[in-house]
Amino acid sequence: MKSKSQHENEIREAPKADGASAVETSSAETATATCESSELQAKISSLEDSLLRAKADLQNVQRRAASERSEAVRFANAELMKSLLDVVDDFDRTLTAAESSEDTQTMRNGVKLIHTNLKKALRDFGLETIEARGKKFDPAIHEALMQQPTKDAEPGTVLEQVAGGYKLRDRVLRPARVVVATAPEKTNA
């Protein structure tokens, strides 16, 4: 039986017996490892380049979106303004007619036309009037200016609309200002 040191010596001497094949194997492995390493480095460089391009593209998209949002906000009312230009033209024509005529009916008709066109323009852009008279008081869309005792309406009913209320689609811009009915006070007789 061989001792441990004899076995180690045989292993150390084995490459010397066939030295050429051991060196060739080592060179081939080194060349393969170097080639694989170069391929991996090239792949890493390519991926890093792709990542940088993707980051730059993302920044460009974000910058463009911010610019488009800014433009949209800046010119959001352009269509409304265009429709109001017709109302301004109506005012101009009415004022011209009023200066050249003593006829108050012409002036009155002009003002009615302006009023109608203005309401139409606002309605076309989603403005709605809040109808309050005769309705149950709703604090979400009505502002009570005062209460009035009456037998003619149930308590909590809107008796009179002092100023109109308006909504833009579902959002209240200004509540209707109203007078609300209360029960009449009982008198001791």
N, C-alpha and C. Protein backbone atom coordinates (compact mmCIF):
# COMPACT_ATOMS: atom_id res chain seq x y z
N MET A 1 0.82 -1.16 0.00
CA MET A 1 0.00 0.00 0.00
C MET A 1 0.88 1.24 0.00
N LYS A 2 0.41 2.28 -0.76
CA LYS A 2 1.20 3.50 -0.92
C LYS A 2 0.86 4.47 0.17
N SER A 3 1.85 5.20 0.57
CA SER A 3 1.59 6.22 1.57
C SER A 3 1.01 7.45 0.88
N LYS A 4 0.52 8.28 1.69
CA LYS A 4 -0.10 9.51 1.19
C LYS A 4 0.91 10.36 0.44
N SER A 5 2.09 10.47 0.89
CA SER A 5 3.11 11.28 0.25
C SER A 5 3.53 10.68 -1.08
N GLN A 6 3.58 9.34 -1.21
CA GLN A 6 3.92 8.70 -2.48
C GLN A 6 2.83 9.01 -3.51
N HIS A 7 1.57 8.95 -3.09
CA HIS A 7 0.46 9.22 -3.99
C HIS A 7 0.50 10.67 -4.51
N GLU A 8 0.83 11.60 -3.63
CA GLU A 8 0.93 13.01 -4.02
C GLU A 8 2.06 13.20 -5.01
N ASN A 9 3.17 12.51 -4.83
CA ASN A 9 4.30 12.61 -5.74
C ASN A 9 3.93 12.10 -7.14
N GLU A 10 3.17 11.01 -7.19
CA GLU A 10 2.75 10.46 -8.48
C GLU A 10 1.86 11.46 -9.23
N ILE A 11 1.00 12.10 -8.48
CA ILE A 11 0.11 13.07 -9.10
C ILE A 11 0.91 14.24 -9.63
N ARG A 12 1.93 14.69 -8.88
CA ARG A 12 2.74 15.82 -9.35
C ARG A 12 3.56 15.44 -10.55
N GLU A 13 3.97 14.21 -10.65
CA GLU A 13 4.82 13.78 -11.74
C GLU A 13 4.00 13.43 -12.98
N ALA A 14 2.72 13.18 -12.86
CA ALA A 14 1.89 12.78 -14.00
C ALA A 14 1.91 13.80 -15.13
N PRO A 15 1.77 15.07 -14.88
CA PRO A 15 1.81 16.00 -15.99
C PRO A 15 3.16 16.00 -16.69
N LYS A 16 4.22 15.70 -15.97
CA LYS A 16 5.55 15.70 -16.59
C LYS A 16 5.67 14.57 -17.60
N ALA A 17 4.98 13.48 -17.34
CA ALA A 17 5.07 12.35 -18.25
C ALA A 17 4.45 12.72 -19.60
N ASP A 18 3.31 13.46 -19.59
CA ASP A 18 2.65 13.87 -20.82
C ASP A 18 2.51 15.39 -20.78
N GLY A 19 3.57 16.13 -20.69
CA GLY A 19 3.59 17.57 -20.50
C GLY A 19 2.94 18.35 -21.61
N ALA A 20 3.08 17.91 -22.83
CA ALA A 20 2.54 18.65 -23.96
C ALA A 20 1.03 18.70 -23.91
N SER A 21 0.34 17.60 -23.60
CA SER A 21 -1.12 17.61 -23.59
C SER A 21 -1.66 18.42 -22.43
N ALA A 22 -0.99 18.45 -21.30
CA ALA A 22 -1.45 19.23 -20.15
C ALA A 22 -1.36 20.71 -20.46
N VAL A 23 -0.30 21.14 -21.13
CA VAL A 23 -0.14 22.54 -21.47
C VAL A 23 -1.17 22.94 -22.52
N GLU A 24 -1.41 22.06 -23.50
CA GLU A 24 -2.40 22.34 -24.54
C GLU A 24 -3.79 22.49 -23.94
N THR A 25 -4.12 21.59 -22.99
CA THR A 25 -5.43 21.65 -22.35
C THR A 25 -5.56 22.95 -21.58
N SER A 26 -4.53 23.34 -20.87
CA SER A 26 -4.56 24.57 -20.09
C SER A 26 -4.68 25.78 -21.01
N SER A 27 -3.97 25.81 -22.14
CA SER A 27 -4.03 26.92 -23.08
C SER A 27 -5.41 27.01 -23.72
N ALA A 28 -5.99 25.86 -24.07
CA ALA A 28 -7.31 25.84 -24.69
C ALA A 28 -8.36 26.37 -23.71
N GLU A 29 -8.25 25.94 -22.46
CA GLU A 29 -9.20 26.41 -21.45
C GLU A 29 -9.05 27.92 -21.24
N THR A 30 -7.84 28.40 -21.21
CA THR A 30 -7.59 29.83 -21.03
C THR A 30 -8.13 30.61 -22.22
N ALA A 31 -7.92 30.11 -23.43
CA ALA A 31 -8.41 30.79 -24.63
C ALA A 31 -9.94 30.82 -24.64
N THR A 32 -10.57 29.69 -24.27
CA THR A 32 -12.03 29.61 -24.22
C THR A 32 -12.56 30.58 -23.17
N ALA A 33 -11.93 30.61 -22.01
CA ALA A 33 -12.36 31.51 -20.94
C ALA A 33 -12.19 32.97 -21.35
N THR A 34 -11.11 33.29 -22.04
CA THR A 34 -10.86 34.65 -22.50
C THR A 34 -11.91 35.05 -23.55
N CYS A 35 -12.23 34.13 -24.45
CA CYS A 35 -13.23 34.40 -25.49
C CYS A 35 -14.61 34.61 -24.85
N GLU A 36 -14.96 33.74 -23.90
CA GLU A 36 -16.25 33.89 -23.20
C GLU A 36 -16.30 35.20 -22.43
N SER A 37 -15.21 35.56 -21.81
CA SER A 37 -15.13 36.80 -21.05
C SER A 37 -15.31 38.00 -21.98
N SER A 38 -14.70 37.96 -23.16
CA SER A 38 -14.84 39.05 -24.13
C SER A 38 -16.28 39.16 -24.61
N GLU A 39 -16.89 38.00 -24.87
CA GLU A 39 -18.30 37.99 -25.31
C GLU A 39 -19.20 38.58 -24.22
N LEU A 40 -18.95 38.18 -22.97
CA LEU A 40 -19.75 38.71 -21.86
C LEU A 40 -19.55 40.21 -21.69
N GLN A 41 -18.32 40.68 -21.83
CA GLN A 41 -18.04 42.12 -21.73
C GLN A 41 -18.77 42.88 -22.84
N ALA A 42 -18.76 42.31 -24.05
CA ALA A 42 -19.45 42.96 -25.17
C ALA A 42 -20.95 42.99 -24.91
N LYS A 43 -21.49 41.90 -24.38
CA LYS A 43 -22.92 41.85 -24.08
C LYS A 43 -23.28 42.86 -22.99
N ILE A 44 -22.45 42.96 -21.96
CA ILE A 44 -22.67 43.93 -20.88
C ILE A 44 -22.64 45.35 -21.44
N SER A 45 -21.67 45.63 -22.29
CA SER A 45 -21.58 46.97 -22.89
C SER A 45 -22.82 47.28 -23.72
N SER A 46 -23.27 46.29 -24.48
CA SER A 46 -24.47 46.48 -25.30
C SER A 46 -25.70 46.74 -24.43
N LEU A 47 -25.84 45.99 -23.35
CA LEU A 47 -26.97 46.18 -22.44
C LEU A 47 -26.90 47.53 -21.73
N GLU A 48 -25.71 47.94 -21.33
CA GLU A 48 -25.56 49.25 -20.69
C GLU A 48 -25.93 50.37 -21.67
N ASP A 49 -25.52 50.21 -22.92
CA ASP A 49 -25.87 51.20 -23.94
C ASP A 49 -27.39 51.24 -24.15
N SER A 50 -28.02 50.07 -24.21
CA SER A 50 -29.48 50.01 -24.37
C SER A 50 -30.18 50.66 -23.19
N LEU A 51 -29.67 50.43 -21.99
CA LEU A 51 -30.26 51.03 -20.79
C LEU A 51 -30.16 52.55 -20.84
N LEU A 52 -29.01 53.07 -21.23
CA LEU A 52 -28.84 54.52 -21.33
C LEU A 52 -29.78 55.11 -22.37
N ARG A 53 -29.94 54.44 -23.50
CA ARG A 53 -30.87 54.92 -24.53
C ARG A 53 -32.31 54.90 -24.02
N ALA A 54 -32.68 53.84 -23.30
CA ALA A 54 -34.05 53.74 -22.76
C ALA A 54 -34.29 54.85 -21.75
N LYS A 55 -33.30 55.13 -20.90
CA LYS A 55 -33.45 56.23 -19.94
C LYS A 55 -33.63 57.57 -20.65
N ALA A 56 -32.83 57.79 -21.69
CA ALA A 56 -32.93 59.05 -22.45
C ALA A 56 -34.30 59.15 -23.12
N ASP A 57 -34.78 58.04 -23.70
CA ASP A 57 -36.11 58.04 -24.32
C ASP A 57 -37.19 58.36 -23.29
N LEU A 58 -37.10 57.77 -22.11
CA LEU A 58 -38.07 58.03 -21.05
C LEU A 58 -38.06 59.50 -20.66
N GLN A 59 -36.89 60.07 -20.50
CA GLN A 59 -36.79 61.49 -20.15
C GLN A 59 -37.40 62.37 -21.24
N ASN A 60 -37.18 62.00 -22.50
CA ASN A 60 -37.76 62.78 -23.61
C ASN A 60 -39.28 62.69 -23.61
N VAL A 61 -39.81 61.49 -23.35
CA VAL A 61 -41.26 61.31 -23.31
C VAL A 61 -41.85 62.12 -22.15
N GLN A 62 -41.20 62.07 -20.99
CA GLN A 62 -41.69 62.83 -19.83
C GLN A 62 -41.65 64.33 -20.12
N ARG A 63 -40.58 64.81 -20.73
CA ARG A 63 -40.45 66.23 -21.05
C ARG A 63 -41.53 66.65 -22.05
N ARG A 64 -41.76 65.81 -23.07
CA ARG A 64 -42.78 66.12 -24.08
C ARG A 64 -44.17 66.13 -23.46
N ALA A 65 -44.46 65.15 -22.58
CA ALA A 65 -45.78 65.09 -21.92
C ALA A 65 -45.99 66.33 -21.05
N ALA A 66 -44.97 66.75 -20.32
CA ALA A 66 -45.09 67.94 -19.48
C ALA A 66 -45.34 69.18 -20.33
N SER A 67 -44.67 69.26 -21.46
CA SER A 67 -44.87 70.40 -22.36
C SER A 67 -46.28 70.40 -22.93
N GLU A 68 -46.79 69.23 -23.32
CA GLU A 68 -48.15 69.13 -23.86
C GLU A 68 -49.19 69.48 -22.80
N ARG A 69 -48.96 69.03 -21.55
CA ARG A 69 -49.88 69.38 -20.46
C ARG A 69 -49.89 70.88 -20.23
N SER A 70 -48.73 71.48 -20.26
CA SER A 70 -48.62 72.93 -20.06
C SER A 70 -49.37 73.67 -21.16
N GLU A 71 -49.21 73.24 -22.39
CA GLU A 71 -49.91 73.87 -23.51
C GLU A 71 -51.42 73.68 -23.38
N ALA A 72 -51.85 72.49 -22.98
CA ALA A 72 -53.28 72.22 -22.83
C ALA A 72 -53.90 73.13 -21.77
N VAL A 73 -53.20 73.32 -20.66
CA VAL A 73 -53.70 74.19 -19.60
C VAL A 73 -53.71 75.64 -20.08
N ARG A 74 -52.66 76.00 -20.78
CA ARG A 74 -52.52 77.38 -21.23
C ARG A 74 -53.63 77.79 -22.21
N PHE A 75 -54.05 76.85 -23.06
CA PHE A 75 -55.05 77.16 -24.07
C PHE A 75 -56.36 76.42 -23.84
N ALA A 76 -56.62 76.00 -22.61
CA ALA A 76 -57.83 75.23 -22.29
C ALA A 76 -59.10 75.99 -22.60
N ASN A 77 -59.08 77.29 -22.45
CA ASN A 77 -60.29 78.09 -22.63
C ASN A 77 -60.41 78.70 -24.03
N ALA A 78 -59.58 78.27 -24.95
CA ALA A 78 -59.57 78.87 -26.28
C ALA A 78 -60.93 78.73 -26.97
N GLU A 79 -61.53 77.56 -26.92
CA GLU A 79 -62.82 77.36 -27.58
C GLU A 79 -63.91 78.21 -26.93
N LEU A 80 -63.89 78.29 -25.59
CA LEU A 80 -64.86 79.14 -24.89
C LEU A 80 -64.69 80.60 -25.32
N MET A 81 -63.45 81.04 -25.38
CA MET A 81 -63.19 82.42 -25.78
C MET A 81 -63.70 82.68 -27.20
N LYS A 82 -63.50 81.72 -28.10
CA LYS A 82 -64.00 81.89 -29.47
C LYS A 82 -65.52 82.07 -29.48
N SER A 83 -66.21 81.27 -28.68
CA SER A 83 -67.68 81.38 -28.67
C SER A 83 -68.13 82.70 -28.02
N LEU A 84 -67.36 83.22 -27.10
CA LEU A 84 -67.71 84.50 -26.47
C LEU A 84 -67.44 85.69 -27.38
N LEU A 85 -66.62 85.49 -28.40
CA LEU A 85 -66.37 86.58 -29.35
C LEU A 85 -67.65 86.98 -30.08
N ASP A 86 -68.54 86.01 -30.32
CA ASP A 86 -69.83 86.34 -30.94
C ASP A 86 -70.65 87.25 -30.02
N VAL A 87 -70.56 87.01 -28.73
CA VAL A 87 -71.29 87.84 -27.77
C VAL A 87 -70.71 89.26 -27.77
N VAL A 88 -69.39 89.35 -27.83
CA VAL A 88 -68.74 90.66 -27.89
C VAL A 88 -69.19 91.41 -29.15
N ASP A 89 -69.26 90.69 -30.27
CA ASP A 89 -69.74 91.31 -31.53
C ASP A 89 -71.17 91.82 -31.36
N ASP A 90 -72.01 91.02 -30.69
CA ASP A 90 -73.39 91.45 -30.44
C ASP A 90 -73.43 92.73 -29.61
N PHE A 91 -72.58 92.80 -28.60
CA PHE A 91 -72.51 94.03 -27.78
C PHE A 91 -72.12 95.22 -28.65
N ASP A 92 -71.11 95.02 -29.48
CA ASP A 92 -70.66 96.12 -30.35
C ASP A 92 -71.79 96.61 -31.25
N ARG A 93 -72.51 95.67 -31.88
CA ARG A 93 -73.61 96.07 -32.76
C ARG A 93 -74.72 96.78 -31.98
N THR A 94 -75.04 96.28 -30.78
CA THR A 94 -76.09 96.90 -29.97
C THR A 94 -75.69 98.31 -29.55
N LEU A 95 -74.46 98.49 -29.14
CA LEU A 95 -74.00 99.82 -28.74
C LEU A 95 -74.01 100.78 -29.92
N THR A 96 -73.61 100.31 -31.08
CA THR A 96 -73.65 101.15 -32.29
C THR A 96 -75.08 101.57 -32.61
N ALA A 97 -75.99 100.60 -32.53
CA ALA A 97 -77.41 100.89 -32.81
C ALA A 97 -77.98 101.85 -31.77
N ALA A 98 -77.59 101.73 -30.53
CA ALA A 98 -78.10 102.60 -29.47
C ALA A 98 -77.62 104.04 -29.65
N GLU A 99 -76.40 104.21 -30.15
CA GLU A 99 -75.86 105.56 -30.37
C GLU A 99 -76.56 106.27 -31.52
N SER A 100 -76.99 105.52 -32.51
CA SER A 100 -77.59 106.15 -33.69
C SER A 100 -79.11 106.17 -33.64
N SER A 101 -79.70 105.66 -32.58
CA SER A 101 -81.16 105.60 -32.53
C SER A 101 -81.66 105.96 -31.14
N GLU A 102 -82.80 106.57 -31.11
CA GLU A 102 -83.45 106.91 -29.85
C GLU A 102 -84.42 105.78 -29.44
N ASP A 103 -84.56 104.79 -30.28
CA ASP A 103 -85.52 103.71 -30.08
C ASP A 103 -85.02 102.77 -28.98
N THR A 104 -85.70 102.79 -27.85
CA THR A 104 -85.29 101.91 -26.74
C THR A 104 -85.63 100.44 -27.02
N GLN A 105 -86.61 100.22 -27.88
CA GLN A 105 -86.97 98.84 -28.22
C GLN A 105 -85.81 98.15 -28.94
N THR A 106 -85.12 98.86 -29.81
CA THR A 106 -83.95 98.30 -30.51
C THR A 106 -82.88 97.91 -29.50
N MET A 107 -82.65 98.79 -28.53
CA MET A 107 -81.67 98.51 -27.48
C MET A 107 -82.09 97.28 -26.68
N ARG A 108 -83.34 97.23 -26.31
CA ARG A 108 -83.86 96.11 -25.52
C ARG A 108 -83.70 94.79 -26.30
N ASN A 109 -84.02 94.80 -27.58
CA ASN A 109 -83.89 93.60 -28.41
C ASN A 109 -82.43 93.16 -28.52
N GLY A 110 -81.55 94.13 -28.65
CA GLY A 110 -80.11 93.82 -28.71
C GLY A 110 -79.61 93.18 -27.43
N VAL A 111 -80.03 93.73 -26.30
CA VAL A 111 -79.61 93.17 -25.01
C VAL A 111 -80.16 91.75 -24.84
N LYS A 112 -81.41 91.52 -25.25
CA LYS A 112 -81.99 90.17 -25.17
C LYS A 112 -81.21 89.18 -26.04
N LEU A 113 -80.83 89.62 -27.22
CA LEU A 113 -80.04 88.78 -28.12
C LEU A 113 -78.70 88.42 -27.48
N ILE A 114 -78.05 89.40 -26.90
CA ILE A 114 -76.77 89.16 -26.24
C ILE A 114 -76.94 88.17 -25.08
N HIS A 115 -77.97 88.39 -24.29
CA HIS A 115 -78.24 87.52 -23.15
C HIS A 115 -78.44 86.07 -23.62
N THR A 116 -79.24 85.89 -24.65
CA THR A 116 -79.51 84.56 -25.19
C THR A 116 -78.23 83.92 -25.72
N ASN A 117 -77.45 84.66 -26.49
CA ASN A 117 -76.22 84.11 -27.07
C ASN A 117 -75.18 83.78 -26.00
N LEU A 118 -75.09 84.61 -24.98
CA LEU A 118 -74.15 84.35 -23.90
C LEU A 118 -74.53 83.08 -23.15
N LYS A 119 -75.79 82.94 -22.82
CA LYS A 119 -76.24 81.73 -22.12
C LYS A 119 -76.00 80.48 -22.97
N LYS A 120 -76.25 80.59 -24.27
CA LYS A 120 -76.03 79.45 -25.17
C LYS A 120 -74.55 79.07 -25.20
N ALA A 121 -73.69 80.06 -25.31
CA ALA A 121 -72.25 79.80 -25.36
C ALA A 121 -71.79 79.10 -24.09
N LEU A 122 -72.25 79.58 -22.96
CA LEU A 122 -71.86 78.96 -21.69
C LEU A 122 -72.44 77.56 -21.54
N ARG A 123 -73.68 77.39 -21.97
CA ARG A 123 -74.33 76.07 -21.91
C ARG A 123 -73.58 75.06 -22.79
N ASP A 124 -73.13 75.52 -23.96
CA ASP A 124 -72.39 74.64 -24.87
C ASP A 124 -71.10 74.11 -24.24
N PHE A 125 -70.58 74.83 -23.27
CA PHE A 125 -69.36 74.40 -22.61
C PHE A 125 -69.62 73.76 -21.25
N GLY A 126 -70.87 73.36 -21.00
CA GLY A 126 -71.18 72.58 -19.81
C GLY A 126 -71.73 73.34 -18.64
N LEU A 127 -71.98 74.63 -18.79
CA LEU A 127 -72.54 75.40 -17.68
C LEU A 127 -74.04 75.13 -17.58
N GLU A 128 -74.49 74.79 -16.38
CA GLU A 128 -75.91 74.53 -16.15
C GLU A 128 -76.40 75.47 -15.07
N THR A 129 -77.63 75.94 -15.22
CA THR A 129 -78.22 76.76 -14.17
C THR A 129 -78.88 75.84 -13.16
N ILE A 130 -78.87 76.27 -11.92
CA ILE A 130 -79.51 75.51 -10.84
C ILE A 130 -80.88 76.12 -10.62
N GLU A 131 -81.91 75.34 -10.92
CA GLU A 131 -83.28 75.79 -10.70
C GLU A 131 -83.62 75.54 -9.24
N ALA A 132 -84.09 76.56 -8.56
CA ALA A 132 -84.30 76.42 -7.12
C ALA A 132 -85.75 76.65 -6.70
N ARG A 133 -86.43 77.58 -7.32
CA ARG A 133 -87.78 77.96 -6.88
C ARG A 133 -88.71 76.73 -6.84
N GLY A 134 -89.36 76.55 -5.67
CA GLY A 134 -90.31 75.45 -5.49
C GLY A 134 -89.67 74.12 -5.15
N LYS A 135 -88.35 74.05 -5.13
CA LYS A 135 -87.64 72.80 -4.82
C LYS A 135 -87.33 72.75 -3.33
N LYS A 136 -87.04 71.55 -2.87
CA LYS A 136 -86.63 71.34 -1.48
C LYS A 136 -85.24 71.94 -1.31
N PHE A 137 -85.01 72.67 -0.22
CA PHE A 137 -83.71 73.30 0.03
C PHE A 137 -82.63 72.22 0.13
N ASP A 138 -81.55 72.38 -0.61
CA ASP A 138 -80.41 71.47 -0.61
C ASP A 138 -79.15 72.29 -0.38
N PRO A 139 -78.52 72.16 0.79
CA PRO A 139 -77.34 73.00 1.08
C PRO A 139 -76.16 72.76 0.13
N ALA A 140 -76.18 71.67 -0.60
CA ALA A 140 -75.09 71.41 -1.54
C ALA A 140 -75.18 72.32 -2.77
N ILE A 141 -76.41 72.77 -3.10
CA ILE A 141 -76.57 73.59 -4.30
C ILE A 141 -77.30 74.91 -4.03
N HIS A 142 -77.76 75.10 -2.80
CA HIS A 142 -78.46 76.33 -2.44
C HIS A 142 -77.75 77.02 -1.27
N GLU A 143 -77.82 78.34 -1.26
CA GLU A 143 -77.33 79.13 -0.13
C GLU A 143 -78.51 79.93 0.39
N ALA A 144 -78.90 79.62 1.64
CA ALA A 144 -80.05 80.31 2.23
C ALA A 144 -79.63 81.70 2.70
N LEU A 145 -80.26 82.72 2.12
CA LEU A 145 -79.98 84.09 2.53
C LEU A 145 -80.88 84.49 3.71
N MET A 146 -82.09 83.94 3.70
CA MET A 146 -83.01 84.21 4.80
C MET A 146 -84.12 83.17 4.80
N GLN A 147 -84.84 83.14 5.91
CA GLN A 147 -86.00 82.26 6.03
C GLN A 147 -87.24 83.13 6.15
N GLN A 148 -88.32 82.62 5.60
CA GLN A 148 -89.55 83.41 5.64
C GLN A 148 -90.70 82.49 6.06
N PRO A 149 -91.37 82.87 7.16
CA PRO A 149 -92.53 82.07 7.58
C PRO A 149 -93.67 82.22 6.58
N THR A 150 -94.30 81.10 6.23
CA THR A 150 -95.41 81.14 5.28
C THR A 150 -96.30 79.91 5.44
N LYS A 151 -97.57 80.08 5.09
CA LYS A 151 -98.51 78.96 5.07
C LYS A 151 -98.60 78.39 3.65
N ASP A 152 -98.09 79.13 2.67
CA ASP A 152 -98.26 78.78 1.26
C ASP A 152 -97.31 77.67 0.77
N ALA A 153 -96.29 77.34 1.54
CA ALA A 153 -95.34 76.31 1.12
C ALA A 153 -94.88 75.52 2.33
N GLU A 154 -94.45 74.29 2.08
CA GLU A 154 -93.96 73.45 3.18
C GLU A 154 -92.63 74.01 3.68
N PRO A 155 -92.37 73.88 4.98
CA PRO A 155 -91.07 74.32 5.52
C PRO A 155 -89.92 73.61 4.78
N GLY A 156 -88.89 74.35 4.49
CA GLY A 156 -87.72 73.79 3.80
C GLY A 156 -87.81 73.91 2.29
N THR A 157 -88.88 74.53 1.79
CA THR A 157 -89.04 74.72 0.34
C THR A 157 -88.48 76.09 -0.04
N VAL A 158 -87.85 76.16 -1.20
CA VAL A 158 -87.32 77.44 -1.69
C VAL A 158 -88.48 78.28 -2.20
N LEU A 159 -88.65 79.46 -1.58
CA LEU A 159 -89.72 80.38 -1.99
C LEU A 159 -89.29 81.28 -3.13
N GLU A 160 -88.06 81.76 -3.03
CA GLU A 160 -87.60 82.75 -4.00
C GLU A 160 -86.12 82.53 -4.28
N GLN A 161 -85.74 82.72 -5.53
CA GLN A 161 -84.33 82.65 -5.91
C GLN A 161 -83.83 84.07 -6.10
N VAL A 162 -82.95 84.52 -5.22
CA VAL A 162 -82.43 85.89 -5.27
C VAL A 162 -81.35 86.03 -6.33
N ALA A 163 -80.49 85.05 -6.42
CA ALA A 163 -79.42 85.04 -7.44
C ALA A 163 -79.27 83.61 -7.94
N GLY A 164 -79.04 83.50 -9.25
CA GLY A 164 -78.92 82.18 -9.87
C GLY A 164 -77.70 81.41 -9.40
N GLY A 165 -77.84 80.11 -9.40
CA GLY A 165 -76.73 79.23 -9.10
C GLY A 165 -76.29 78.53 -10.38
N TYR A 166 -75.02 78.13 -10.42
CA TYR A 166 -74.48 77.53 -11.63
C TYR A 166 -73.59 76.34 -11.31
N LYS A 167 -73.67 75.34 -12.19
CA LYS A 167 -72.80 74.17 -12.10
C LYS A 167 -72.05 74.02 -13.41
N LEU A 168 -70.82 73.59 -13.32
CA LEU A 168 -70.06 73.22 -14.50
C LEU A 168 -70.00 71.71 -14.47
N ARG A 169 -70.81 71.11 -15.32
CA ARG A 169 -71.04 69.67 -15.32
C ARG A 169 -71.55 69.26 -13.93
N ASP A 170 -70.77 68.54 -13.15
CA ASP A 170 -71.26 68.09 -11.84
C ASP A 170 -70.75 68.95 -10.68
N ARG A 171 -69.94 69.93 -10.94
CA ARG A 171 -69.35 70.74 -9.87
C ARG A 171 -70.10 72.07 -9.73
N VAL A 172 -70.48 72.38 -8.50
CA VAL A 172 -71.17 73.64 -8.24
C VAL A 172 -70.15 74.78 -8.28
N LEU A 173 -70.39 75.73 -9.18
CA LEU A 173 -69.53 76.92 -9.24
C LEU A 173 -70.01 77.98 -8.26
N ARG A 174 -71.33 78.13 -8.21
CA ARG A 174 -71.94 79.06 -7.28
C ARG A 174 -73.32 78.54 -6.92
N PRO A 175 -73.58 78.40 -5.60
CA PRO A 175 -74.91 77.92 -5.22
C PRO A 175 -75.97 79.00 -5.50
N ALA A 176 -77.19 78.55 -5.74
CA ALA A 176 -78.30 79.50 -5.92
C ALA A 176 -78.58 80.16 -4.58
N ARG A 177 -78.71 81.46 -4.58
CA ARG A 177 -78.98 82.20 -3.34
C ARG A 177 -80.49 82.32 -3.21
N VAL A 178 -81.01 81.81 -2.08
CA VAL A 178 -82.46 81.63 -1.99
C VAL A 178 -83.05 82.08 -0.66
N VAL A 179 -84.38 82.22 -0.69
CA VAL A 179 -85.18 82.46 0.52
C VAL A 179 -85.94 81.15 0.77
N VAL A 180 -85.87 80.65 2.00
CA VAL A 180 -86.44 79.34 2.32
C VAL A 180 -87.66 79.51 3.21
N ALA A 181 -88.69 78.71 2.94
CA ALA A 181 -89.94 78.74 3.73
C ALA A 181 -89.73 78.07 5.08
N THR A 182 -90.35 78.66 6.09
CA THR A 182 -90.42 78.04 7.42
C THR A 182 -91.88 78.02 7.84
N ALA A 183 -92.16 77.22 8.84
CA ALA A 183 -93.54 77.17 9.34
C ALA A 183 -93.88 78.50 10.01
N PRO A 184 -95.12 78.98 9.81
CA PRO A 184 -95.48 80.25 10.45
C PRO A 184 -95.52 80.08 11.97
N GLU A 185 -95.16 81.14 12.63
CA GLU A 185 -95.18 81.09 14.09
C GLU A 185 -96.63 81.02 14.56
N LYS A 186 -96.85 80.21 15.55
CA LYS A 186 -98.20 80.11 16.12
C LYS A 186 -98.41 81.27 17.08
N THR A 187 -99.52 81.90 16.92
CA THR A 187 -99.84 83.02 17.80
C THR A 187 -100.76 82.54 18.90
N ASN A 188 -100.55 83.03 20.06
CA ASN A 188 -101.43 82.70 21.21
C ASN A 188 -102.62 83.65 21.18
N ALA A 189 -103.77 83.11 20.89
CA ALA A 189 -104.94 83.97 20.83
C ALA A 189 -105.97 83.55 21.83
